[in-house]
Protein backbone atom coordinates (compact mmCIF):
# COMPACT_ATOMS: atom_id res chain seq x y z
CA MET A 1 -2.77 21.08 -3.62
CA ALA A 2 -4.06 21.52 -0.07
CA LEU A 3 -6.72 24.03 0.83
CA THR A 4 -5.98 25.88 4.05
CA VAL A 5 -8.91 27.25 6.00
CA PRO A 6 -9.41 28.26 9.64
CA ALA A 7 -10.22 25.40 12.02
CA ALA A 8 -13.79 26.66 12.46
CA HIS A 9 -14.43 25.70 8.83
CA ALA A 10 -12.91 22.20 8.98
CA ASP A 11 -15.78 20.40 7.19
CA PRO A 12 -15.64 20.51 3.40
CA PRO A 13 -18.35 22.93 2.27
CA GLY A 14 -21.04 21.73 -0.10
CA ILE A 15 -19.72 18.18 -0.51
CA THR A 16 -22.48 15.70 -1.25
CA GLU A 17 -22.06 12.16 -2.41
CA ASP A 18 -23.63 11.25 -5.73
CA SER A 19 -23.76 7.52 -6.39
CA SER A 20 -25.45 7.82 -9.79
CA PRO A 21 -23.62 6.28 -12.76
CA PRO A 22 -21.54 8.48 -15.07
CA VAL A 23 -23.29 10.27 -17.93
CA THR A 24 -23.73 8.02 -20.97
CA ILE A 25 -22.28 9.36 -24.22
CA ASP A 26 -23.36 7.98 -27.56
CA PRO A 27 -20.12 7.29 -29.46
CA HIS A 28 -22.06 7.32 -32.76
CA ASN A 29 -23.59 10.78 -32.28
CA PRO A 30 -22.68 12.86 -35.36
CA GLY A 31 -22.11 15.90 -33.11
CA LEU A 32 -19.30 14.12 -31.26
CA ARG A 33 -16.05 15.15 -32.89
CA MET A 34 -13.19 12.73 -32.56
CA VAL A 35 -10.09 11.92 -34.58
CA GLN A 36 -10.74 9.33 -37.30
CA GLY A 37 -10.48 5.83 -35.80
CA ALA A 38 -10.54 7.03 -32.19
CA THR A 39 -12.85 5.39 -29.65
CA LEU A 40 -14.16 6.51 -26.29
CA ALA A 41 -12.65 5.00 -23.17
CA PRO A 42 -15.05 3.40 -20.71
CA SER A 43 -16.58 5.99 -18.40
CA LYS A 44 -15.66 5.96 -14.74
CA VAL A 45 -16.24 7.98 -11.60
CA LEU A 46 -13.08 9.73 -10.44
CA ASN A 47 -12.04 9.55 -6.80
CA ILE A 48 -12.11 13.17 -5.65
CA LYS A 49 -9.89 14.13 -2.72
CA SER A 50 -10.65 17.08 -0.46
CA ILE A 51 -8.02 18.16 2.06
CA VAL A 52 -8.75 20.79 4.68
CA GLU A 53 -5.97 21.84 7.03
CA THR A 54 -5.79 24.40 9.82
CA ASP A 55 -3.59 27.43 9.17
CA ASP A 56 -0.87 26.10 11.46
CA GLY A 57 -1.07 22.55 10.03
CA ALA A 58 -1.92 21.07 13.42
CA GLU A 59 -5.04 19.33 12.12
CA ARG A 60 -5.89 17.95 8.70
CA ARG A 61 -9.01 16.24 7.37
CA GLN A 62 -8.88 14.36 4.09
CA ASP A 63 -12.07 13.13 2.43
CA THR A 64 -12.23 10.87 -0.61
CA ASN A 65 -15.13 8.99 -2.16
CA ASP A 66 -14.10 6.00 -0.07
CA ASN A 67 -12.43 7.20 3.16
CA VAL A 68 -12.26 9.91 5.81
CA THR A 69 -8.88 10.55 7.46
CA PHE A 70 -8.13 12.85 10.37
CA ALA A 71 -4.48 13.66 11.09
CA LEU A 72 -3.52 15.42 14.32
CA GLN A 73 0.00 16.59 15.03
CA ALA A 74 1.53 14.95 18.07
CA GLU A 75 2.00 18.37 19.73
CA VAL A 76 -1.80 18.80 19.66
CA LEU A 77 -2.31 15.50 21.46
CA PHE A 78 0.74 14.86 23.64
CA THR A 79 3.51 16.53 25.54
CA LYS A 80 7.05 16.08 24.18
CA ASP A 81 8.22 12.46 23.95
CA SER A 82 5.08 11.21 25.74
CA ALA A 83 2.02 9.11 24.94
CA GLY A 84 -0.11 10.73 27.65
CA LEU A 85 -3.01 12.66 26.12
CA SER A 86 -3.23 16.39 26.86
CA PRO A 87 -6.53 17.92 28.06
CA ASP A 88 -6.90 19.64 24.66
CA ALA A 89 -6.57 16.28 22.93
CA LEU A 90 -9.74 14.94 24.53
CA SER A 91 -12.02 17.48 22.85
CA ARG A 92 -10.37 16.93 19.47
CA ILE A 93 -10.74 13.17 19.76
CA ASP A 94 -14.38 13.68 20.80
CA THR A 95 -14.94 15.61 17.54
CA ILE A 96 -13.47 12.71 15.56
CA ALA A 97 -15.67 10.24 17.47
CA ALA A 98 -18.74 12.31 16.55
CA GLU A 99 -17.83 12.08 12.85
CA ILE A 100 -17.25 8.33 13.17
CA LYS A 101 -20.75 7.98 14.66
CA LYS A 102 -22.22 10.19 11.93
CA GLN A 103 -20.63 7.98 9.27
CA HIS A 104 -21.70 4.79 11.10
CA ALA A 105 -18.15 3.51 10.71
CA THR A 106 -17.45 0.12 12.24
CA GLY A 107 -13.79 -0.37 11.32
CA LEU A 108 -11.17 2.24 12.24
CA ARG A 109 -7.47 2.54 11.53
CA VAL A 110 -5.41 4.42 14.12
CA PHE A 111 -1.82 4.88 12.96
CA GLY A 112 0.98 6.69 14.77
CA PHE A 113 4.00 8.35 13.13
CA THR A 114 7.11 10.16 14.32
CA ASP A 115 9.83 12.27 12.72
CA ASN A 116 13.33 10.96 11.97
CA LEU A 117 14.97 12.30 15.15
CA GLY A 118 16.04 9.76 17.76
CA SER A 119 16.43 6.05 17.27
CA THR A 120 14.21 4.05 14.94
CA ALA A 121 13.27 1.67 17.75
CA HIS A 122 12.20 4.54 20.04
CA GLY A 123 10.14 6.09 17.20
CA LEU A 124 8.35 2.81 16.54
CA THR A 125 7.52 2.32 20.21
CA LEU A 126 6.40 5.93 20.75
CA SER A 127 4.24 5.97 17.61
CA LYS A 128 2.50 2.71 18.64
CA ASP A 129 1.97 3.97 22.21
CA ARG A 130 0.43 7.19 20.88
CA ALA A 131 -1.85 5.30 18.49
CA ASN A 132 -2.96 3.09 21.40
CA ALA A 133 -3.69 6.16 23.57
CA VAL A 134 -5.90 7.68 20.85
CA GLN A 135 -7.65 4.34 20.28
CA ARG A 136 -8.42 3.96 24.01
CA GLU A 137 -9.95 7.43 24.12
CA LEU A 138 -11.99 6.85 20.94
CA ALA A 139 -13.26 3.53 22.31
CA LYS A 140 -14.76 5.39 25.30
CA HIS A 141 -17.04 7.32 22.91
CA LEU A 142 -17.95 4.53 20.47
CA ASP A 143 -20.07 1.41 20.40
CA SER A 144 -18.27 -1.80 21.40
CA SER A 145 -18.92 -3.27 17.93
CA VAL A 146 -16.35 -0.86 16.40
CA THR A 147 -13.11 -2.63 15.57
CA PHE A 148 -9.69 -1.02 15.51
CA GLN A 149 -6.54 -1.62 13.51
CA ILE A 150 -3.67 0.02 15.41
CA ARG A 151 -0.13 0.49 14.14
CA GLY A 152 2.95 2.47 14.97
CA TYR A 153 5.04 3.30 11.92
CA GLY A 154 7.74 5.45 13.52
CA GLU A 155 9.48 7.58 10.91
CA GLN A 156 8.12 5.61 7.94
CA TYR A 157 5.71 7.41 5.59
CA PRO A 158 6.57 11.06 6.21
CA ILE A 159 4.14 13.60 4.75
CA ALA A 160 6.60 16.50 4.95
CA ASP A 161 10.33 17.19 4.77
CA ASN A 162 12.17 15.89 7.85
CA SER A 163 15.03 18.35 7.30
CA THR A 164 12.99 21.26 8.75
CA GLU A 165 11.28 21.65 12.11
CA GLU A 166 8.00 22.51 10.36
CA GLY A 167 8.20 19.28 8.36
CA ARG A 168 9.14 17.18 11.38
CA ARG A 169 6.18 18.67 13.28
CA LYS A 170 3.80 17.52 10.51
CA ASN A 171 5.37 14.06 10.49
CA ARG A 172 4.80 13.62 14.24
CA ARG A 173 1.12 12.72 14.00
CA VAL A 174 -1.65 10.26 14.68
CA GLU A 175 -4.06 9.46 11.84
CA VAL A 176 -7.56 8.10 12.34
CA SER A 177 -9.21 6.84 9.16
CA PHE A 178 -12.34 4.90 8.30
CA PRO A 179 -14.41 3.99 5.25
CA ARG A 180 -17.03 6.49 4.16
CA THR A 181 -20.51 5.01 4.43
CA GLY A 182 -22.42 7.68 2.52
CA SER A 183 -24.31 9.04 5.53
């Protein structure tokens, strides 16, 4: 289930990373009530996912224990059927670059996606060109030691229903993701 909040509140509130081990439970404690013959499974830390999306779905941030992913709809970044960045895109990419610096990330994934309209070949080319445009802009703000993995997936991996305009709009996106460093 996605949490929708205004863009001004895009950072997950009150999220802190706790790297301590799970609580130890004594399986022989007489106060522990279990079915006869049952045993406790090994304890583990669950991977919690936090998704914050703007009301209009134009921007989405997903945080897990391991990764941070920003997804921006193509309409936020580009004009129709273009890989040229809009003026508004530059400030949004700058915000992502600031978070990358804050996390001290050194390896980034920049993936482009399209909807299922038009030819598959055109979608693959456009999604790769858009991912490259975002990567070039990010590189202007980041240290030269940051490496990039860039891919254009076209219509593969939709996150919404391609049979509606709202769904197609969400599928036309560029995602920037990187490992969480615990900063």
